[in-house]
Amino acid sequence: SSSSCWATKLGYNCCSDPNTSVYYEDQDGQWGLENNNWCVIQKSSSSQVSCWSKALGFDCCSSCGPVYHTDNDGRWSVVDGKWCGLPSN
């Protein structure tokens, strides 16, 4: 509900879908788009791990594999022949 959405203090809404793709991240949190409007993605307490690579079109790795590449976005591995992002915590 909007009453528990801290983003309303900044003039934005929270995204209705907690699985909205992350398009931007700053000190306030993760931002997505709904109906061409910025919204804040509220994390549910049960999903502490953020899949940062989803915003880049890649799934997160299902297991902690070896790190094959590291860049400004994060750490990458390969599972079943496909690049995936290693969770960031």
C-alpha atoms as a PDB file:
ATOM      1  CA  SER A   1       0.000   0.000   0.000  1.00  0.00           C
ATOM      2  CA  SER A   2       1.114   3.566  -0.562  1.00  0.00           C
ATOM      3  CA  SER A   3       1.010   4.294   3.186  1.00  0.00           C
ATOM      4  CA  SER A   4       4.035   2.024   3.693  1.00  0.00           C
ATOM      5  CA  CYS A   5       5.808   3.284   0.577  1.00  0.00           C
ATOM      6  CA  TRP A   6       8.643   5.606   1.613  1.00  0.00           C
ATOM      7  CA  ALA A   7       8.977   6.820  -1.987  1.00  0.00           C
ATOM      8  CA  THR A   8       5.785   8.882  -1.700  1.00  0.00           C
ATOM      9  CA  LYS A   9       7.843  11.336   0.391  1.00  0.00           C
ATOM     10  CA  LEU A  10       9.988  11.804  -2.729  1.00  0.00           C
ATOM     11  CA  GLY A  11       6.952  12.185  -4.999  1.00  0.00           C
ATOM     12  CA  TYR A  12       7.047   8.652  -6.430  1.00  0.00           C
ATOM     13  CA  ASN A  13       5.011   5.495  -6.004  1.00  0.00           C
ATOM     14  CA  CYS A  14       6.222   2.036  -5.135  1.00  0.00           C
ATOM     15  CA  CYS A  15       6.058  -0.496  -7.956  1.00  0.00           C
ATOM     16  CA  SER A  16       3.003  -2.738  -7.730  1.00  0.00           C
ATOM     17  CA  ASP A  17       5.117  -5.786  -8.699  1.00  0.00           C
ATOM     18  CA  PRO A  18       8.100  -6.492  -6.398  1.00  0.00           C
ATOM     19  CA  ASN A  19       9.726  -8.365  -9.312  1.00  0.00           C
ATOM     20  CA  THR A  20       9.800  -5.284 -11.558  1.00  0.00           C
ATOM     21  CA  SER A  21      13.082  -5.030 -13.497  1.00  0.00           C
ATOM     22  CA  VAL A  22      15.647  -2.731 -11.895  1.00  0.00           C
ATOM     23  CA  TYR A  23      16.576   0.103 -14.284  1.00  0.00           C
ATOM     24  CA  TYR A  24      18.435   2.311 -11.813  1.00  0.00           C
ATOM     25  CA  GLU A  25      19.858   2.002  -8.323  1.00  0.00           C
ATOM     26  CA  ASP A  26      20.954   4.763  -5.965  1.00  0.00           C
ATOM     27  CA  GLN A  27      21.299   5.398  -2.234  1.00  0.00           C
ATOM     28  CA  ASP A  28      17.502   5.511  -1.917  1.00  0.00           C
ATOM     29  CA  GLY A  29      16.957   2.066  -3.408  1.00  0.00           C
ATOM     30  CA  GLN A  30      16.160   0.257  -6.639  1.00  0.00           C
ATOM     31  CA  TRP A  31      13.995   1.946  -9.270  1.00  0.00           C
ATOM     32  CA  GLY A  32      11.827   0.434 -11.981  1.00  0.00           C
ATOM     33  CA  LEU A  33       9.292   1.638 -14.530  1.00  0.00           C
ATOM     34  CA  GLU A  34       5.533   1.104 -14.511  1.00  0.00           C
ATOM     35  CA  ASN A  35       3.339   2.794 -17.129  1.00  0.00           C
ATOM     36  CA  ASN A  36       6.376   4.893 -18.123  1.00  0.00           C
ATOM     37  CA  ASN A  37       6.656   6.293 -14.580  1.00  0.00           C
ATOM     38  CA  TRP A  38       9.541   5.712 -12.176  1.00  0.00           C
ATOM     39  CA  CYS A  39       8.647   3.626  -9.148  1.00  0.00           C
ATOM     40  CA  VAL A  40      10.580   2.211  -6.220  1.00  0.00           C
ATOM     41  CA  ILE A  41      10.926  -1.559  -6.025  1.00  0.00           C
ATOM     42  CA  GLN A  42      10.147  -2.602  -2.477  1.00  0.00           C
ATOM     43  CA  LYS A  43      11.920  -5.756  -1.427  1.00  0.00           C
ATOM     44  CA  SER A  44       9.989  -8.341   0.492  1.00  0.00           C
ATOM     45  CA  SER A  45      11.784  -9.424   3.634  1.00  0.00           C
ATOM     46  CA  SER A  46      11.876 -13.024   2.393  1.00  0.00           C
ATOM     47  CA  SER A  47      13.970 -12.179  -0.671  1.00  0.00           C
ATOM     48  CA  GLN A  48      17.096 -10.445   0.571  1.00  0.00           C
ATOM     49  CA  VAL A  49      19.127 -11.449  -2.481  1.00  0.00           C
ATOM     50  CA  SER A  50      18.768  -9.053  -5.384  1.00  0.00           C
ATOM     51  CA  CYS A  51      19.163 -10.405  -8.903  1.00  0.00           C
ATOM     52  CA  TRP A  52      21.044  -7.433 -10.350  1.00  0.00           C
ATOM     53  CA  SER A  53      21.723  -9.187 -13.664  1.00  0.00           C
ATOM     54  CA  LYS A  54      17.977  -9.402 -14.528  1.00  0.00           C
ATOM     55  CA  ALA A  55      18.072  -5.715 -15.505  1.00  0.00           C
ATOM     56  CA  LEU A  56      20.794  -6.629 -18.015  1.00  0.00           C
ATOM     57  CA  GLY A  57      18.821  -9.523 -19.504  1.00  0.00           C
ATOM     58  CA  PHE A  58      20.579 -12.357 -17.671  1.00  0.00           C
ATOM     59  CA  ASP A  59      19.282 -14.651 -14.940  1.00  0.00           C
ATOM     60  CA  CYS A  60      21.023 -14.932 -11.605  1.00  0.00           C
ATOM     61  CA  CYS A  61      23.032 -18.097 -11.084  1.00  0.00           C
ATOM     62  CA  SER A  62      21.111 -20.745  -9.176  1.00  0.00           C
ATOM     63  CA  SER A  63      24.278 -21.837  -7.395  1.00  0.00           C
ATOM     64  CA  CYS A  64      27.534 -20.189  -6.414  1.00  0.00           C
ATOM     65  CA  GLY A  65      29.819 -21.196  -9.235  1.00  0.00           C
ATOM     66  CA  PRO A  66      33.290 -19.991 -10.105  1.00  0.00           C
ATOM     67  CA  VAL A  67      33.634 -16.315 -11.026  1.00  0.00           C
ATOM     68  CA  TYR A  68      34.582 -16.114 -14.720  1.00  0.00           C
ATOM     69  CA  HIS A  69      34.311 -12.352 -15.116  1.00  0.00           C
ATOM     70  CA  THR A  70      33.916  -9.277 -12.899  1.00  0.00           C
ATOM     71  CA  ASP A  71      32.862  -5.861 -14.195  1.00  0.00           C
ATOM     72  CA  ASN A  72      31.165  -2.705 -12.914  1.00  0.00           C
ATOM     73  CA  ASP A  73      27.829  -4.546 -12.769  1.00  0.00           C
ATOM     74  CA  GLY A  74      28.978  -7.481 -10.653  1.00  0.00           C
ATOM     75  CA  ARG A  75      30.414 -10.978 -10.718  1.00  0.00           C
ATOM     76  CA  TRP A  76      29.553 -13.366 -13.565  1.00  0.00           C
ATOM     77  CA  SER A  77      29.589 -17.133 -13.889  1.00  0.00           C
ATOM     78  CA  VAL A  78      28.331 -19.685 -16.421  1.00  0.00           C
ATOM     79  CA  VAL A  79      25.640 -22.287 -15.701  1.00  0.00           C
ATOM     80  CA  ASP A  80      24.475 -24.730 -18.398  1.00  0.00           C
ATOM     81  CA  GLY A  81      26.439 -22.786 -20.996  1.00  0.00           C
ATOM     82  CA  LYS A  82      24.722 -19.458 -20.210  1.00  0.00           C
ATOM     83  CA  TRP A  83      26.147 -16.370 -18.500  1.00  0.00           C
ATOM     84  CA  CYS A  84      24.496 -15.544 -15.185  1.00  0.00           C
ATOM     85  CA  GLY A  85      25.012 -13.012 -12.428  1.00  0.00           C
ATOM     86  CA  LEU A  86      26.239 -14.185  -9.050  1.00  0.00           C
ATOM     87  CA  PRO A  87      24.036 -12.831  -6.224  1.00  0.00           C
ATOM     88  CA  SER A  88      25.586  -9.852  -4.506  1.00  0.00           C
ATOM     89  CA  ASN A  89      25.439 -10.872  -0.851  1.00  0.00           C
END
